[in-house]
Structure formats: structure tokens, C-alpha cells
Amino acid sequence: MSENRAPEAGAEAPSVPGVDVKIYLPKDPDKDHGKLLGFASVNLGGVFAVNNIRIYNTEKGPYVSMPSTKGQDDKYHPICCPTTKEMRQALNTAVLSAYEKAVEQERPPSVRGALKEAAKEAADRPAPAPQRAADKGER
């Protein structure tokens, strides 16, 4: 379902009034969570809530996965989902934009991540040429 993907740059998704999104990021940013980026809860007009929406990182970009349950046939079946393309687009746009804001605001850079990044940068830089000490009475 390509409708779950991030909208194209410059593409304008229809707006749906009264959509409130809360994003829940993994507590340990340094831990490998596989393709899972986070969870979302959506409140539609203050009268209907959808919880356990998952945001995954895929080869084609972020993917919004609506809640589903595994049936006896070992297939996943949706619990709830948008019924129109426009609503799916609006919901995906709201969830992905809220996710981007949450990542920028709520996740401070980790010390471990900063140290790893600094080590990579240091390894990529060429070693400085040795400098001779100025002669200050040394022989």
C-alpha cells in the first residue's frame, strides 16, 4: 500500500480538522529497535482515538502502519483503518509530521552517540604533520 508512505515533496495532503497526534519514541535511542521508529496515538475530533499506530523505517522512507492483529491464518488483519485515500493521506501526513517534530524536540543528542560520531570524524581526518618544538634552550 503506497498510500502509507510519506507524501511526495511539495504534495499537499487534504487537511482533516481535529486531528491530534501524540508520538512515543523509544526510551533508549542508542538501542537497536530494528525498523521501528516509534508509536503514535491519534485523536480524531475528540470523539475517536486510534492507538498503537507504528512508524517504521523502510527502504522507501517512513511507513505508517495502522493497528492490526494476527489471525489464525497467520495473516495480519487491520483493527481500524481509514476508508478513503484522502483520509489515509491526511492521517499519514499528520503522523509523520508529528514524528519529525518529536524527533527534533524531544530527543536530545546522546553522549554515547556524540562520542561515536566524534571518533568517526577523527578517524576520517588525516593526522597532522608533526611540529618541531621551538628552540628554547633545548639541545
N, C-alpha and C. Protein backbone atom coordinates (compact mmCIF):
# COMPACT_ATOMS: atom_id res chain seq x y z
N MET A 1 0.83 -1.18 0.00
CA MET A 1 0.00 0.00 0.00
C MET A 1 0.87 1.24 0.00
N SER A 2 1.01 1.85 -1.10
CA SER A 2 1.86 3.02 -1.20
C SER A 2 1.24 4.23 -0.54
N GLU A 3 -0.04 4.16 -0.17
CA GLU A 3 -0.67 5.30 0.48
C GLU A 3 -0.11 5.54 1.87
N ASN A 4 0.55 4.54 2.46
CA ASN A 4 1.10 4.69 3.80
C ASN A 4 2.45 5.37 3.81
N ARG A 5 3.01 5.60 2.67
CA ARG A 5 4.32 6.21 2.58
C ARG A 5 4.22 7.72 2.77
N ALA A 6 5.37 8.33 3.00
CA ALA A 6 5.42 9.77 3.15
C ALA A 6 5.00 10.42 1.83
N PRO A 7 4.25 11.52 1.91
CA PRO A 7 3.84 12.18 0.68
C PRO A 7 5.04 12.77 -0.05
N GLU A 8 4.92 12.90 -1.36
CA GLU A 8 5.98 13.47 -2.16
C GLU A 8 6.25 14.90 -1.71
N ALA A 9 7.48 15.35 -1.89
CA ALA A 9 7.83 16.72 -1.53
C ALA A 9 6.97 17.68 -2.33
N GLY A 10 6.38 18.62 -1.65
CA GLY A 10 5.54 19.61 -2.31
C GLY A 10 4.11 19.14 -2.48
N ALA A 11 3.84 17.85 -2.24
CA ALA A 11 2.48 17.35 -2.35
C ALA A 11 1.68 17.82 -1.15
N GLU A 12 0.48 18.26 -1.42
CA GLU A 12 -0.33 18.79 -0.34
C GLU A 12 -1.44 17.79 -0.02
N ALA A 13 -1.43 17.28 1.20
CA ALA A 13 -2.46 16.34 1.62
C ALA A 13 -3.66 17.12 2.14
N PRO A 14 -4.84 16.60 1.95
CA PRO A 14 -6.01 17.29 2.46
C PRO A 14 -5.96 17.38 3.98
N SER A 15 -6.41 18.48 4.51
CA SER A 15 -6.37 18.64 5.96
C SER A 15 -7.68 18.12 6.55
N VAL A 16 -7.55 17.49 7.69
CA VAL A 16 -8.71 16.99 8.40
C VAL A 16 -8.75 17.71 9.73
N PRO A 17 -9.82 18.46 9.98
CA PRO A 17 -9.88 19.22 11.22
C PRO A 17 -9.99 18.30 12.43
N GLY A 18 -9.38 18.72 13.52
CA GLY A 18 -9.50 17.99 14.78
C GLY A 18 -8.67 16.73 14.88
N VAL A 19 -7.53 16.66 14.21
CA VAL A 19 -6.65 15.50 14.33
C VAL A 19 -5.50 15.88 15.26
N ASP A 20 -5.45 15.23 16.42
CA ASP A 20 -4.37 15.45 17.37
C ASP A 20 -3.52 14.19 17.44
N VAL A 21 -2.21 14.37 17.33
CA VAL A 21 -1.29 13.22 17.28
C VAL A 21 -0.31 13.32 18.43
N LYS A 22 -0.10 12.20 19.12
CA LYS A 22 0.94 12.10 20.14
C LYS A 22 1.91 11.02 19.68
N ILE A 23 3.19 11.33 19.77
CA ILE A 23 4.23 10.41 19.33
C ILE A 23 4.97 9.87 20.55
N TYR A 24 5.26 8.59 20.52
CA TYR A 24 6.02 7.95 21.58
C TYR A 24 7.28 7.35 20.97
N LEU A 25 8.42 7.95 21.32
CA LEU A 25 9.70 7.48 20.80
C LEU A 25 10.26 6.41 21.73
N PRO A 26 11.08 5.50 21.21
CA PRO A 26 11.72 4.52 22.09
C PRO A 26 12.53 5.23 23.17
N LYS A 27 12.51 4.66 24.38
CA LYS A 27 13.18 5.32 25.51
C LYS A 27 14.69 5.31 25.39
N ASP A 28 15.25 4.28 24.81
CA ASP A 28 16.70 4.18 24.68
C ASP A 28 17.09 4.39 23.21
N PRO A 29 17.49 5.62 22.85
CA PRO A 29 17.80 5.90 21.44
C PRO A 29 19.02 5.15 20.92
N ASP A 30 19.92 4.70 21.80
CA ASP A 30 21.12 4.00 21.35
C ASP A 30 20.87 2.52 21.10
N LYS A 31 19.77 2.00 21.62
CA LYS A 31 19.44 0.59 21.43
C LYS A 31 18.88 0.37 20.03
N ASP A 32 19.21 -0.74 19.43
CA ASP A 32 18.71 -1.06 18.10
C ASP A 32 17.27 -1.56 18.21
N HIS A 33 16.35 -0.83 17.63
CA HIS A 33 14.94 -1.20 17.66
C HIS A 33 14.50 -1.77 16.32
N GLY A 34 15.43 -2.20 15.52
CA GLY A 34 15.10 -2.72 14.20
C GLY A 34 14.60 -1.59 13.32
N LYS A 35 13.54 -1.83 12.62
CA LYS A 35 12.99 -0.81 11.72
C LYS A 35 11.99 0.09 12.42
N LEU A 36 11.63 -0.21 13.66
CA LEU A 36 10.65 0.57 14.39
C LEU A 36 11.22 1.93 14.79
N LEU A 37 10.54 2.99 14.39
CA LEU A 37 10.96 4.35 14.75
C LEU A 37 10.20 4.87 15.95
N GLY A 38 8.94 4.47 16.09
CA GLY A 38 8.14 4.95 17.21
C GLY A 38 6.69 4.53 17.07
N PHE A 39 5.88 5.02 18.02
CA PHE A 39 4.45 4.75 18.04
C PHE A 39 3.70 6.07 18.01
N ALA A 40 2.44 6.01 17.60
CA ALA A 40 1.61 7.20 17.59
C ALA A 40 0.22 6.85 18.10
N SER A 41 -0.42 7.85 18.72
CA SER A 41 -1.83 7.78 19.08
C SER A 41 -2.48 8.97 18.42
N VAL A 42 -3.63 8.75 17.79
CA VAL A 42 -4.32 9.81 17.07
C VAL A 42 -5.72 9.98 17.68
N ASN A 43 -6.09 11.22 17.94
CA ASN A 43 -7.42 11.55 18.43
C ASN A 43 -8.13 12.28 17.30
N LEU A 44 -9.23 11.73 16.83
CA LEU A 44 -9.97 12.31 15.71
C LEU A 44 -11.18 13.08 16.22
N GLY A 45 -11.10 14.40 16.16
CA GLY A 45 -12.22 15.24 16.54
C GLY A 45 -12.63 15.14 17.98
N GLY A 46 -11.80 14.58 18.83
CA GLY A 46 -12.13 14.45 20.23
C GLY A 46 -13.17 13.37 20.52
N VAL A 47 -13.52 12.57 19.52
CA VAL A 47 -14.56 11.56 19.73
C VAL A 47 -14.10 10.14 19.41
N PHE A 48 -12.93 9.99 18.75
CA PHE A 48 -12.46 8.65 18.39
C PHE A 48 -10.94 8.64 18.46
N ALA A 49 -10.40 7.66 19.16
CA ALA A 49 -8.95 7.56 19.30
C ALA A 49 -8.44 6.27 18.66
N VAL A 50 -7.29 6.38 18.02
CA VAL A 50 -6.62 5.22 17.42
C VAL A 50 -5.25 5.14 18.07
N ASN A 51 -4.99 4.04 18.77
CA ASN A 51 -3.72 3.84 19.46
C ASN A 51 -2.92 2.76 18.76
N ASN A 52 -1.66 2.66 19.13
CA ASN A 52 -0.76 1.62 18.63
C ASN A 52 -0.52 1.72 17.12
N ILE A 53 -0.46 2.93 16.61
CA ILE A 53 -0.03 3.14 15.23
C ILE A 53 1.50 3.08 15.25
N ARG A 54 2.08 2.29 14.38
CA ARG A 54 3.54 2.14 14.37
C ARG A 54 4.14 2.90 13.20
N ILE A 55 5.33 3.44 13.44
CA ILE A 55 6.08 4.13 12.40
C ILE A 55 7.36 3.33 12.17
N TYR A 56 7.54 2.86 10.94
CA TYR A 56 8.69 2.04 10.59
C TYR A 56 9.59 2.78 9.61
N ASN A 57 10.86 2.44 9.63
CA ASN A 57 11.82 2.94 8.66
C ASN A 57 11.99 1.86 7.60
N THR A 58 11.66 2.19 6.35
CA THR A 58 11.79 1.22 5.27
C THR A 58 12.74 1.77 4.21
N GLU A 59 13.02 0.97 3.22
CA GLU A 59 13.91 1.41 2.14
C GLU A 59 13.33 2.60 1.39
N LYS A 60 12.01 2.70 1.34
CA LYS A 60 11.36 3.79 0.62
C LYS A 60 11.02 4.97 1.52
N GLY A 61 11.43 4.94 2.77
CA GLY A 61 11.16 6.03 3.69
C GLY A 61 10.24 5.59 4.81
N PRO A 62 9.84 6.53 5.67
CA PRO A 62 8.97 6.19 6.80
C PRO A 62 7.65 5.61 6.33
N TYR A 63 7.16 4.64 7.10
CA TYR A 63 5.92 3.94 6.78
C TYR A 63 5.02 3.95 8.01
N VAL A 64 3.77 4.34 7.83
CA VAL A 64 2.80 4.37 8.91
C VAL A 64 1.98 3.09 8.84
N SER A 65 2.00 2.32 9.92
CA SER A 65 1.29 1.06 9.98
C SER A 65 0.14 1.17 10.98
N MET A 66 -1.07 0.98 10.51
CA MET A 66 -2.24 1.04 11.38
C MET A 66 -2.27 -0.20 12.26
N PRO A 67 -2.98 -0.13 13.40
CA PRO A 67 -3.03 -1.29 14.31
C PRO A 67 -3.65 -2.51 13.62
N SER A 68 -3.08 -3.66 13.91
CA SER A 68 -3.59 -4.90 13.33
C SER A 68 -3.40 -6.03 14.32
N THR A 69 -4.03 -7.13 14.04
CA THR A 69 -3.91 -8.32 14.89
C THR A 69 -3.66 -9.52 13.98
N LYS A 70 -2.94 -10.49 14.51
CA LYS A 70 -2.62 -11.68 13.74
C LYS A 70 -3.74 -12.70 13.92
N GLY A 71 -4.29 -13.17 12.81
CA GLY A 71 -5.38 -14.12 12.85
C GLY A 71 -4.89 -15.55 12.89
N GLN A 72 -5.83 -16.47 12.94
CA GLN A 72 -5.50 -17.90 12.97
C GLN A 72 -4.85 -18.35 11.68
N ASP A 73 -5.04 -17.58 10.62
CA ASP A 73 -4.43 -17.91 9.33
C ASP A 73 -3.01 -17.35 9.20
N ASP A 74 -2.45 -16.85 10.31
CA ASP A 74 -1.11 -16.27 10.37
C ASP A 74 -0.95 -15.03 9.50
N LYS A 75 -2.06 -14.39 9.14
CA LYS A 75 -2.03 -13.14 8.41
C LYS A 75 -2.47 -12.02 9.35
N TYR A 76 -1.98 -10.82 9.06
CA TYR A 76 -2.36 -9.66 9.87
C TYR A 76 -3.61 -9.01 9.29
N HIS A 77 -4.54 -8.69 10.17
CA HIS A 77 -5.81 -8.08 9.77
C HIS A 77 -5.95 -6.75 10.50
N PRO A 78 -6.34 -5.70 9.79
CA PRO A 78 -6.45 -4.39 10.43
C PRO A 78 -7.55 -4.35 11.49
N ILE A 79 -7.27 -3.63 12.57
CA ILE A 79 -8.27 -3.41 13.61
C ILE A 79 -9.12 -2.21 13.21
N CYS A 80 -8.46 -1.16 12.77
CA CYS A 80 -9.15 0.02 12.26
C CYS A 80 -8.25 0.66 11.21
N CYS A 81 -8.86 1.31 10.23
CA CYS A 81 -8.08 1.93 9.17
C CYS A 81 -8.94 2.98 8.46
N PRO A 82 -8.29 3.95 7.81
CA PRO A 82 -9.04 4.93 7.04
C PRO A 82 -9.76 4.24 5.88
N THR A 83 -10.94 4.76 5.53
CA THR A 83 -11.71 4.14 4.46
C THR A 83 -11.57 4.86 3.13
N THR A 84 -10.95 6.05 3.13
CA THR A 84 -10.75 6.76 1.88
C THR A 84 -9.27 7.10 1.72
N LYS A 85 -8.86 7.28 0.48
CA LYS A 85 -7.48 7.63 0.18
C LYS A 85 -7.13 8.97 0.80
N GLU A 86 -8.07 9.92 0.77
CA GLU A 86 -7.83 11.26 1.31
C GLU A 86 -7.60 11.21 2.82
N MET A 87 -8.40 10.42 3.51
CA MET A 87 -8.23 10.31 4.97
C MET A 87 -6.93 9.62 5.31
N ARG A 88 -6.57 8.59 4.54
CA ARG A 88 -5.30 7.90 4.78
C ARG A 88 -4.13 8.86 4.58
N GLN A 89 -4.18 9.66 3.52
CA GLN A 89 -3.13 10.65 3.26
C GLN A 89 -3.04 11.67 4.39
N ALA A 90 -4.18 12.17 4.81
CA ALA A 90 -4.20 13.18 5.88
C ALA A 90 -3.68 12.60 7.18
N LEU A 91 -4.06 11.38 7.50
CA LEU A 91 -3.60 10.74 8.73
C LEU A 91 -2.10 10.48 8.68
N ASN A 92 -1.61 9.98 7.54
CA ASN A 92 -0.17 9.73 7.40
C ASN A 92 0.63 11.01 7.49
N THR A 93 0.15 12.06 6.85
CA THR A 93 0.85 13.35 6.90
C THR A 93 0.90 13.87 8.33
N ALA A 94 -0.21 13.78 9.05
CA ALA A 94 -0.25 14.25 10.44
C ALA A 94 0.69 13.45 11.32
N VAL A 95 0.70 12.13 11.17
CA VAL A 95 1.56 11.27 12.00
C VAL A 95 3.04 11.52 11.69
N LEU A 96 3.38 11.57 10.41
CA LEU A 96 4.80 11.74 10.04
C LEU A 96 5.33 13.13 10.39
N SER A 97 4.52 14.16 10.25
CA SER A 97 4.99 15.50 10.63
C SER A 97 5.14 15.60 12.15
N ALA A 98 4.23 14.98 12.90
CA ALA A 98 4.36 14.97 14.36
C ALA A 98 5.59 14.18 14.78
N TYR A 99 5.88 13.10 14.08
CA TYR A 99 7.07 12.31 14.37
C TYR A 99 8.34 13.13 14.16
N GLU A 100 8.41 13.83 13.04
CA GLU A 100 9.59 14.65 12.75
C GLU A 100 9.79 15.73 13.82
N LYS A 101 8.71 16.36 14.26
CA LYS A 101 8.81 17.38 15.32
C LYS A 101 9.27 16.75 16.62
N ALA A 102 8.75 15.56 16.95
CA ALA A 102 9.11 14.89 18.19
C ALA A 102 10.58 14.52 18.20
N VAL A 103 11.09 14.07 17.07
CA VAL A 103 12.50 13.70 17.00
C VAL A 103 13.37 14.93 17.20
N GLU A 104 12.99 16.04 16.60
CA GLU A 104 13.77 17.27 16.73
C GLU A 104 13.73 17.82 18.15
N GLN A 105 12.58 17.78 18.81
CA GLN A 105 12.40 18.45 20.09
C GLN A 105 12.69 17.56 21.30
N GLU A 106 12.23 16.33 21.27
CA GLU A 106 12.25 15.52 22.48
C GLU A 106 13.47 14.64 22.65
N ARG A 107 14.22 14.42 21.63
CA ARG A 107 15.35 13.51 21.75
C ARG A 107 16.65 14.30 21.72
N PRO A 108 17.18 14.65 22.89
CA PRO A 108 18.47 15.35 22.89
C PRO A 108 19.56 14.40 22.42
N PRO A 109 20.61 14.95 21.85
CA PRO A 109 21.68 14.07 21.38
C PRO A 109 22.29 13.30 22.55
N SER A 110 22.52 12.03 22.38
CA SER A 110 23.08 11.22 23.45
C SER A 110 24.59 11.41 23.50
N VAL A 111 25.14 11.23 24.68
CA VAL A 111 26.59 11.37 24.85
C VAL A 111 27.30 10.25 24.11
N ARG A 112 26.76 9.03 24.21
CA ARG A 112 27.37 7.90 23.54
C ARG A 112 27.38 8.12 22.03
N GLY A 113 26.25 8.59 21.48
CA GLY A 113 26.17 8.86 20.06
C GLY A 113 27.13 9.95 19.62
N ALA A 114 27.26 10.99 20.45
CA ALA A 114 28.19 12.08 20.13
C ALA A 114 29.63 11.59 20.14
N LEU A 115 29.97 10.72 21.09
CA LEU A 115 31.33 10.18 21.16
C LEU A 115 31.63 9.29 19.94
N LYS A 116 30.66 8.47 19.54
CA LYS A 116 30.85 7.62 18.36
C LYS A 116 31.04 8.48 17.12
N GLU A 117 30.24 9.52 16.99
CA GLU A 117 30.34 10.40 15.83
C GLU A 117 31.68 11.12 15.81
N ALA A 118 32.14 11.59 16.97
CA ALA A 118 33.43 12.27 17.06
C ALA A 118 34.58 11.32 16.71
N ALA A 119 34.47 10.07 17.15
CA ALA A 119 35.51 9.09 16.84
C ALA A 119 35.57 8.82 15.33
N LYS A 120 34.40 8.74 14.69
CA LYS A 120 34.37 8.52 13.25
C LYS A 120 35.00 9.70 12.51
N GLU A 121 34.66 10.92 12.94
CA GLU A 121 35.22 12.11 12.30
C GLU A 121 36.72 12.17 12.49
N ALA A 122 37.21 11.83 13.69
CA ALA A 122 38.64 11.85 13.97
C ALA A 122 39.37 10.81 13.12
N ALA A 123 38.76 9.65 12.93
CA ALA A 123 39.40 8.61 12.12
C ALA A 123 39.45 9.00 10.65
N ASP A 124 38.49 9.78 10.20
CA ASP A 124 38.45 10.20 8.80
C ASP A 124 39.42 11.33 8.50
N ARG A 125 39.78 12.10 9.52
CA ARG A 125 40.70 13.23 9.31
C ARG A 125 42.14 12.74 9.18
N PRO A 126 42.93 13.35 8.29
CA PRO A 126 44.35 12.96 8.21
C PRO A 126 45.10 13.45 9.45
N ALA A 127 46.11 12.69 9.83
CA ALA A 127 46.90 13.06 11.01
C ALA A 127 47.66 14.34 10.72
N PRO A 128 47.77 15.25 11.70
CA PRO A 128 48.52 16.48 11.48
C PRO A 128 50.01 16.19 11.37
N ALA A 129 50.70 17.02 10.61
CA ALA A 129 52.14 16.86 10.45
C ALA A 129 52.82 17.19 11.79
N PRO A 130 53.83 16.41 12.16
CA PRO A 130 54.50 16.69 13.45
C PRO A 130 55.18 18.05 13.39
N GLN A 131 55.06 18.78 14.48
CA GLN A 131 55.68 20.10 14.55
C GLN A 131 56.91 20.02 15.43
N ARG A 132 57.90 20.78 15.05
CA ARG A 132 59.12 20.82 15.84
C ARG A 132 58.94 21.85 16.92
N ALA A 133 59.40 21.52 18.08
CA ALA A 133 59.31 22.46 19.20
C ALA A 133 60.28 23.60 18.95
N ALA A 134 59.86 24.77 19.29
CA ALA A 134 60.74 25.93 19.15
C ALA A 134 61.95 25.76 20.08
N ASP A 135 63.11 26.16 19.61
CA ASP A 135 64.33 26.01 20.41
C ASP A 135 64.30 26.97 21.58
N LYS A 136 64.10 26.41 22.77
CA LYS A 136 64.07 27.22 23.98
C LYS A 136 65.15 26.71 24.92
N GLY A 137 66.30 26.64 24.42
CA GLY A 137 67.40 26.18 25.24
C GLY A 137 67.54 24.66 25.25
N GLU A 138 66.70 24.00 24.47
CA GLU A 138 66.77 22.53 24.41
C GLU A 138 67.88 22.14 23.44
N ARG A 139 68.51 21.05 23.70
CA ARG A 139 69.59 20.59 22.83
C ARG A 139 69.30 19.27 22.26
